[in-house]
Amino acid sequence: MSNEIGIAASNSKSASQWDSSYSVRAYSTYYYTRYEKDGYAYHDITSCSGGWSRSDSSVTMSQRKVIYGASGPSYPNGSYVQQNQTMYPTSNSFSYTAPSSWVAVKTTHAVGVSTWVTLNRGGSTWTLKLINQN
């Protein structure tokens, strides 16, 4: 017997991560509607936001990248979908609304937002990556 529960956009998942030198912190949140069917949970991403905060002004940031979305069996018919968007923010914060055509995906698969930023200090370059998934 199917059990469907829709909960409005009060659902969210947040994450944060410092780089190895504790100079920059990446943070993100994605918002979703939750569904349940036959004992499985499904999340439909509605939006995401986040950015990078710097504690060391000698570190510069570039090549910012955000990928958000979901892939896996969809609600309610179980067909496999792959839906994501890749964005390149030009500032240290971002906020994106997911396309209304996107559908909920089983949470045993990848649902969420990932970010990358390239950091540089005095000729040294490294990358800070944050994966925020279900």
N, C-alpha and C. Protein backbone atom coordinates (compact mmCIF):
# COMPACT_ATOMS: atom_id res chain seq x y z
N MET A 1 0.84 -1.18 0.00
CA MET A 1 0.00 0.00 0.00
C MET A 1 0.89 1.24 0.00
N SER A 2 0.60 2.16 -0.87
CA SER A 2 1.43 3.35 -0.97
C SER A 2 1.10 4.34 0.12
N ASN A 3 2.13 4.96 0.63
CA ASN A 3 1.99 5.99 1.65
C ASN A 3 2.69 7.23 1.14
N GLU A 4 1.95 8.29 0.91
CA GLU A 4 2.52 9.52 0.37
C GLU A 4 2.41 10.63 1.39
N ILE A 5 3.52 11.27 1.69
CA ILE A 5 3.54 12.39 2.61
C ILE A 5 4.26 13.54 1.94
N GLY A 6 3.61 14.67 1.80
CA GLY A 6 4.27 15.86 1.26
C GLY A 6 4.46 16.87 2.38
N ILE A 7 5.67 17.31 2.60
CA ILE A 7 5.96 18.28 3.65
C ILE A 7 6.55 19.51 2.97
N ALA A 8 6.00 20.68 3.24
CA ALA A 8 6.40 21.90 2.55
C ALA A 8 7.86 22.23 2.79
N ALA A 9 8.32 23.29 2.16
CA ALA A 9 9.74 23.58 2.03
C ALA A 9 10.47 23.89 3.32
N SER A 10 9.90 23.49 4.47
CA SER A 10 10.61 23.68 5.74
C SER A 10 11.75 22.67 5.87
N ASN A 11 11.76 21.67 4.99
CA ASN A 11 12.84 20.68 5.03
C ASN A 11 14.09 21.25 4.38
N SER A 12 15.23 21.03 5.03
CA SER A 12 16.49 21.49 4.47
C SER A 12 17.64 20.67 5.05
N LYS A 13 18.78 20.73 4.38
CA LYS A 13 19.99 20.09 4.89
C LYS A 13 21.16 21.02 4.64
N SER A 14 21.91 21.27 5.71
CA SER A 14 23.03 22.20 5.65
C SER A 14 24.34 21.47 5.92
N ALA A 15 25.42 22.04 5.40
CA ALA A 15 26.75 21.50 5.65
C ALA A 15 27.76 22.62 5.52
N SER A 16 28.92 22.43 6.14
CA SER A 16 30.01 23.39 5.98
C SER A 16 31.34 22.66 6.09
N GLN A 17 32.38 23.30 5.58
CA GLN A 17 33.70 22.67 5.56
C GLN A 17 34.77 23.75 5.46
N TRP A 18 35.78 23.66 6.31
CA TRP A 18 36.94 24.53 6.21
C TRP A 18 37.98 23.93 5.26
N ASP A 19 38.76 24.79 4.64
CA ASP A 19 39.90 24.28 3.87
C ASP A 19 40.98 23.84 4.84
N SER A 20 42.04 23.26 4.32
CA SER A 20 43.07 22.65 5.16
C SER A 20 43.83 23.66 6.02
N SER A 21 43.82 24.93 5.62
CA SER A 21 44.53 25.96 6.40
C SER A 21 43.58 26.80 7.24
N TYR A 22 42.30 26.44 7.26
CA TYR A 22 41.28 27.17 8.01
C TYR A 22 41.23 28.65 7.61
N SER A 23 41.41 28.88 6.33
CA SER A 23 41.36 30.24 5.79
C SER A 23 40.01 30.57 5.17
N VAL A 24 39.34 29.55 4.62
CA VAL A 24 38.05 29.73 3.95
C VAL A 24 37.10 28.62 4.38
N ARG A 25 35.86 29.03 4.68
CA ARG A 25 34.83 28.04 5.02
C ARG A 25 33.77 28.04 3.93
N ALA A 26 33.51 26.87 3.38
CA ALA A 26 32.41 26.69 2.43
C ALA A 26 31.17 26.26 3.20
N TYR A 27 30.01 26.75 2.78
CA TYR A 27 28.76 26.38 3.44
C TYR A 27 27.64 26.32 2.41
N SER A 28 26.71 25.45 2.61
CA SER A 28 25.58 25.35 1.69
C SER A 28 24.37 24.73 2.38
N THR A 29 23.21 25.04 1.82
CA THR A 29 21.94 24.46 2.27
C THR A 29 21.11 24.15 1.04
N TYR A 30 20.49 22.99 1.04
CA TYR A 30 19.50 22.75 0.00
C TYR A 30 18.15 22.49 0.65
N TYR A 31 17.12 22.91 -0.04
CA TYR A 31 15.74 22.83 0.45
C TYR A 31 14.96 21.86 -0.42
N TYR A 32 14.06 21.13 0.19
CA TYR A 32 13.39 20.07 -0.56
C TYR A 32 12.01 19.77 0.02
N THR A 33 11.20 19.16 -0.82
CA THR A 33 9.94 18.56 -0.39
C THR A 33 10.16 17.06 -0.25
N ARG A 34 9.65 16.49 0.81
CA ARG A 34 9.86 15.07 1.09
C ARG A 34 8.59 14.28 0.77
N TYR A 35 8.79 13.13 0.16
CA TYR A 35 7.70 12.19 -0.11
C TYR A 35 8.11 10.82 0.40
N GLU A 36 7.13 10.02 0.71
CA GLU A 36 7.38 8.62 1.09
C GLU A 36 6.44 7.71 0.31
N LYS A 37 7.01 6.60 -0.13
CA LYS A 37 6.19 5.60 -0.83
C LYS A 37 6.78 4.23 -0.56
N ASP A 38 5.93 3.34 -0.09
CA ASP A 38 6.34 1.95 0.15
C ASP A 38 7.58 1.86 1.03
N GLY A 39 7.67 2.72 2.00
CA GLY A 39 8.77 2.69 2.96
C GLY A 39 10.03 3.40 2.51
N TYR A 40 10.03 3.99 1.32
CA TYR A 40 11.19 4.72 0.82
C TYR A 40 10.94 6.22 0.86
N ALA A 41 11.99 6.97 1.10
CA ALA A 41 11.90 8.43 1.10
C ALA A 41 12.39 8.98 -0.23
N TYR A 42 11.75 10.05 -0.67
CA TYR A 42 12.12 10.75 -1.90
C TYR A 42 12.23 12.24 -1.59
N HIS A 43 13.23 12.90 -2.18
CA HIS A 43 13.40 14.33 -1.99
C HIS A 43 13.32 15.05 -3.33
N ASP A 44 12.56 16.12 -3.35
CA ASP A 44 12.45 16.98 -4.53
C ASP A 44 13.11 18.32 -4.18
N ILE A 45 14.30 18.56 -4.71
CA ILE A 45 15.01 19.82 -4.42
C ILE A 45 14.23 20.99 -4.98
N THR A 46 14.04 22.01 -4.14
CA THR A 46 13.35 23.22 -4.58
C THR A 46 14.31 24.38 -4.78
N SER A 47 15.39 24.44 -3.99
CA SER A 47 16.36 25.51 -4.13
C SER A 47 17.61 25.18 -3.35
N CYS A 48 18.63 25.99 -3.53
CA CYS A 48 19.86 25.84 -2.74
C CYS A 48 20.51 27.20 -2.57
N SER A 49 21.33 27.32 -1.54
CA SER A 49 22.05 28.57 -1.29
C SER A 49 23.33 28.24 -0.56
N GLY A 50 24.23 29.20 -0.49
CA GLY A 50 25.48 28.98 0.21
C GLY A 50 26.53 29.97 -0.21
N GLY A 51 27.79 29.58 0.03
CA GLY A 51 28.88 30.45 -0.36
C GLY A 51 30.17 30.10 0.34
N TRP A 52 31.05 31.10 0.41
CA TRP A 52 32.38 30.92 1.00
C TRP A 52 32.70 32.14 1.84
N SER A 53 33.14 31.90 3.06
CA SER A 53 33.54 33.00 3.94
C SER A 53 35.03 32.87 4.23
N ARG A 54 35.71 34.00 4.23
CA ARG A 54 37.17 34.01 4.33
C ARG A 54 37.59 34.57 5.69
N SER A 55 38.50 33.87 6.35
CA SER A 55 39.04 34.36 7.61
C SER A 55 40.45 34.92 7.45
N ASP A 56 41.05 34.71 6.28
CA ASP A 56 42.40 35.18 6.00
C ASP A 56 42.36 36.00 4.71
N SER A 57 42.56 37.29 4.83
CA SER A 57 42.43 38.18 3.67
C SER A 57 43.54 37.99 2.65
N SER A 58 44.60 37.26 3.01
CA SER A 58 45.68 37.02 2.05
C SER A 58 45.34 35.90 1.06
N VAL A 59 44.26 35.21 1.30
CA VAL A 59 43.81 34.14 0.41
C VAL A 59 42.81 34.70 -0.59
N THR A 60 43.05 34.43 -1.86
CA THR A 60 42.10 34.84 -2.90
C THR A 60 41.33 33.62 -3.39
N MET A 61 40.10 33.88 -3.86
CA MET A 61 39.22 32.82 -4.34
C MET A 61 38.92 33.01 -5.82
N SER A 62 38.85 31.91 -6.55
CA SER A 62 38.52 31.96 -7.97
C SER A 62 37.90 30.63 -8.38
N GLN A 63 37.45 30.56 -9.61
CA GLN A 63 36.91 29.32 -10.20
C GLN A 63 35.86 28.67 -9.29
N ARG A 64 34.89 29.47 -8.87
CA ARG A 64 33.80 28.94 -8.05
C ARG A 64 32.86 28.11 -8.92
N LYS A 65 32.41 27.01 -8.38
CA LYS A 65 31.54 26.10 -9.13
C LYS A 65 30.53 25.48 -8.19
N VAL A 66 29.29 25.38 -8.66
CA VAL A 66 28.20 24.78 -7.89
C VAL A 66 27.46 23.80 -8.79
N ILE A 67 27.28 22.58 -8.31
CA ILE A 67 26.41 21.62 -8.99
C ILE A 67 25.34 21.18 -8.00
N TYR A 68 24.10 21.32 -8.39
CA TYR A 68 23.01 20.86 -7.52
C TYR A 68 22.01 20.05 -8.33
N GLY A 69 21.33 19.15 -7.64
CA GLY A 69 20.35 18.34 -8.32
C GLY A 69 20.22 16.97 -7.71
N ALA A 70 19.77 16.02 -8.52
CA ALA A 70 19.50 14.67 -8.03
C ALA A 70 19.50 13.70 -9.19
N SER A 71 19.86 12.46 -8.89
CA SER A 71 19.76 11.40 -9.89
C SER A 71 19.38 10.11 -9.19
N GLY A 72 18.58 9.32 -9.89
CA GLY A 72 18.14 8.05 -9.32
C GLY A 72 16.69 7.77 -9.66
N PRO A 73 16.10 6.75 -9.03
CA PRO A 73 14.69 6.41 -9.27
C PRO A 73 13.78 7.55 -8.81
N SER A 74 12.84 7.91 -9.65
CA SER A 74 11.99 9.06 -9.36
C SER A 74 10.68 8.64 -8.70
N TYR A 75 10.06 9.63 -8.07
CA TYR A 75 8.74 9.45 -7.47
C TYR A 75 7.70 9.91 -8.47
N PRO A 76 6.59 9.20 -8.68
CA PRO A 76 6.21 7.98 -7.98
C PRO A 76 6.46 6.70 -8.78
N ASN A 77 6.88 6.82 -10.07
CA ASN A 77 6.88 5.61 -10.91
C ASN A 77 8.21 4.87 -10.95
N GLY A 78 9.26 5.43 -10.34
CA GLY A 78 10.52 4.71 -10.25
C GLY A 78 11.42 4.81 -11.47
N SER A 79 11.02 5.58 -12.49
CA SER A 79 11.88 5.72 -13.66
C SER A 79 13.14 6.50 -13.28
N TYR A 80 14.27 6.13 -13.89
CA TYR A 80 15.55 6.76 -13.54
C TYR A 80 15.64 8.14 -14.19
N VAL A 81 16.01 9.12 -13.38
CA VAL A 81 16.19 10.48 -13.90
C VAL A 81 17.57 10.99 -13.48
N GLN A 82 18.12 11.87 -14.28
CA GLN A 82 19.36 12.57 -13.93
C GLN A 82 19.11 14.04 -14.21
N GLN A 83 19.03 14.82 -13.14
CA GLN A 83 18.68 16.23 -13.28
C GLN A 83 19.64 17.04 -12.40
N ASN A 84 20.41 17.89 -13.03
CA ASN A 84 21.32 18.74 -12.27
C ASN A 84 21.63 19.98 -13.07
N GLN A 85 22.11 20.97 -12.37
CA GLN A 85 22.55 22.21 -13.01
C GLN A 85 23.94 22.55 -12.48
N THR A 86 24.78 23.03 -13.37
CA THR A 86 26.12 23.50 -13.01
C THR A 86 26.15 25.00 -13.16
N MET A 87 26.56 25.69 -12.09
CA MET A 87 26.59 27.14 -12.06
C MET A 87 27.99 27.61 -11.67
N TYR A 88 28.30 28.83 -12.08
CA TYR A 88 29.62 29.40 -11.81
C TYR A 88 29.43 30.78 -11.17
N PRO A 89 29.27 30.81 -9.86
CA PRO A 89 29.03 32.10 -9.19
C PRO A 89 30.22 33.05 -9.39
N THR A 90 29.92 34.33 -9.50
CA THR A 90 30.97 35.34 -9.63
C THR A 90 31.22 36.07 -8.32
N SER A 91 30.44 35.76 -7.30
CA SER A 91 30.65 36.34 -5.98
C SER A 91 30.78 35.21 -4.96
N ASN A 92 30.95 35.57 -3.70
CA ASN A 92 31.18 34.57 -2.66
C ASN A 92 29.90 34.05 -2.03
N SER A 93 28.77 34.27 -2.67
CA SER A 93 27.52 33.67 -2.21
C SER A 93 26.68 33.31 -3.42
N PHE A 94 25.75 32.38 -3.23
CA PHE A 94 24.88 31.97 -4.33
C PHE A 94 23.51 31.57 -3.80
N SER A 95 22.55 31.62 -4.67
CA SER A 95 21.19 31.16 -4.36
C SER A 95 20.52 30.82 -5.69
N TYR A 96 20.05 29.59 -5.81
CA TYR A 96 19.44 29.12 -7.05
C TYR A 96 18.13 28.41 -6.77
N THR A 97 17.18 28.60 -7.66
CA THR A 97 15.90 27.90 -7.59
C THR A 97 15.89 26.79 -8.63
N ALA A 98 15.52 25.60 -8.21
CA ALA A 98 15.49 24.46 -9.13
C ALA A 98 14.36 24.60 -10.14
N PRO A 99 14.54 24.08 -11.34
CA PRO A 99 13.46 24.09 -12.33
C PRO A 99 12.21 23.38 -11.81
N SER A 100 11.07 23.93 -12.14
CA SER A 100 9.81 23.34 -11.66
C SER A 100 9.55 21.97 -12.29
N SER A 101 10.25 21.67 -13.36
CA SER A 101 10.07 20.37 -14.03
C SER A 101 10.77 19.22 -13.30
N TRP A 102 11.64 19.52 -12.35
CA TRP A 102 12.34 18.47 -11.63
C TRP A 102 11.39 17.66 -10.77
N VAL A 103 11.75 16.39 -10.54
CA VAL A 103 10.91 15.49 -9.77
C VAL A 103 11.69 14.97 -8.56
N ALA A 104 10.97 14.37 -7.64
CA ALA A 104 11.60 13.81 -6.44
C ALA A 104 12.36 12.54 -6.79
N VAL A 105 13.48 12.33 -6.09
CA VAL A 105 14.36 11.19 -6.34
C VAL A 105 14.58 10.45 -5.03
N LYS A 106 14.65 9.12 -5.12
CA LYS A 106 14.86 8.28 -3.95
C LYS A 106 16.15 8.68 -3.24
N THR A 107 16.08 8.80 -1.92
CA THR A 107 17.22 9.32 -1.16
C THR A 107 18.34 8.31 -0.97
N THR A 108 18.16 7.09 -1.44
CA THR A 108 19.29 6.15 -1.45
C THR A 108 20.27 6.49 -2.57
N HIS A 109 19.90 7.46 -3.40
CA HIS A 109 20.77 7.93 -4.47
C HIS A 109 21.20 9.37 -4.18
N ALA A 110 21.93 9.98 -5.11
CA ALA A 110 22.52 11.29 -4.86
C ALA A 110 21.50 12.41 -5.00
N VAL A 111 21.30 13.13 -3.90
CA VAL A 111 20.45 14.31 -3.88
C VAL A 111 21.19 15.39 -3.10
N GLY A 112 21.38 16.57 -3.68
CA GLY A 112 22.03 17.61 -2.90
C GLY A 112 22.77 18.64 -3.75
N VAL A 113 23.77 19.27 -3.11
CA VAL A 113 24.53 20.33 -3.75
C VAL A 113 26.00 20.16 -3.41
N SER A 114 26.86 20.37 -4.40
CA SER A 114 28.31 20.30 -4.20
C SER A 114 28.93 21.59 -4.70
N THR A 115 29.97 22.05 -4.00
CA THR A 115 30.64 23.28 -4.39
C THR A 115 32.15 23.10 -4.43
N TRP A 116 32.79 23.90 -5.27
CA TRP A 116 34.24 23.92 -5.39
C TRP A 116 34.69 25.38 -5.47
N VAL A 117 35.84 25.65 -4.92
CA VAL A 117 36.46 26.96 -5.09
C VAL A 117 37.97 26.77 -5.08
N THR A 118 38.67 27.49 -5.94
CA THR A 118 40.13 27.45 -5.97
C THR A 118 40.67 28.57 -5.08
N LEU A 119 41.60 28.22 -4.22
CA LEU A 119 42.19 29.17 -3.28
C LEU A 119 43.66 29.39 -3.63
N ASN A 120 44.12 30.60 -3.40
CA ASN A 120 45.51 30.93 -3.72
C ASN A 120 46.08 31.84 -2.64
N ARG A 121 47.29 31.52 -2.23
CA ARG A 121 48.03 32.39 -1.32
C ARG A 121 49.50 32.33 -1.66
N GLY A 122 50.06 33.44 -2.08
CA GLY A 122 51.49 33.53 -2.33
C GLY A 122 52.04 32.50 -3.29
N GLY A 123 51.30 32.19 -4.31
CA GLY A 123 51.77 31.22 -5.30
C GLY A 123 51.33 29.79 -5.04
N SER A 124 50.82 29.51 -3.86
CA SER A 124 50.27 28.17 -3.57
C SER A 124 48.79 28.14 -3.90
N THR A 125 48.37 27.09 -4.57
CA THR A 125 46.98 26.95 -5.00
C THR A 125 46.42 25.62 -4.52
N TRP A 126 45.20 25.65 -4.02
CA TRP A 126 44.53 24.42 -3.59
C TRP A 126 43.02 24.60 -3.75
N THR A 127 42.30 23.52 -3.63
CA THR A 127 40.85 23.52 -3.87
C THR A 127 40.11 23.13 -2.60
N LEU A 128 39.03 23.85 -2.34
CA LEU A 128 38.12 23.51 -1.25
C LEU A 128 36.83 22.96 -1.86
N LYS A 129 36.50 21.74 -1.51
CA LYS A 129 35.29 21.08 -2.04
C LYS A 129 34.35 20.77 -0.87
N LEU A 130 33.08 21.02 -1.09
CA LEU A 130 32.05 20.69 -0.09
C LEU A 130 30.95 19.89 -0.77
N ILE A 131 30.70 18.71 -0.27
CA ILE A 131 29.60 17.87 -0.75
C ILE A 131 28.51 17.85 0.30
N ASN A 132 27.34 18.33 -0.04
CA ASN A 132 26.20 18.36 0.87
C ASN A 132 25.09 17.53 0.22
N GLN A 133 25.00 16.27 0.66
CA GLN A 133 24.01 15.36 0.08
C GLN A 133 23.19 14.69 1.17
N ASN A 134 22.11 14.04 0.75
CA ASN A 134 21.25 13.33 1.68
C ASN A 134 22.03 12.24 2.41
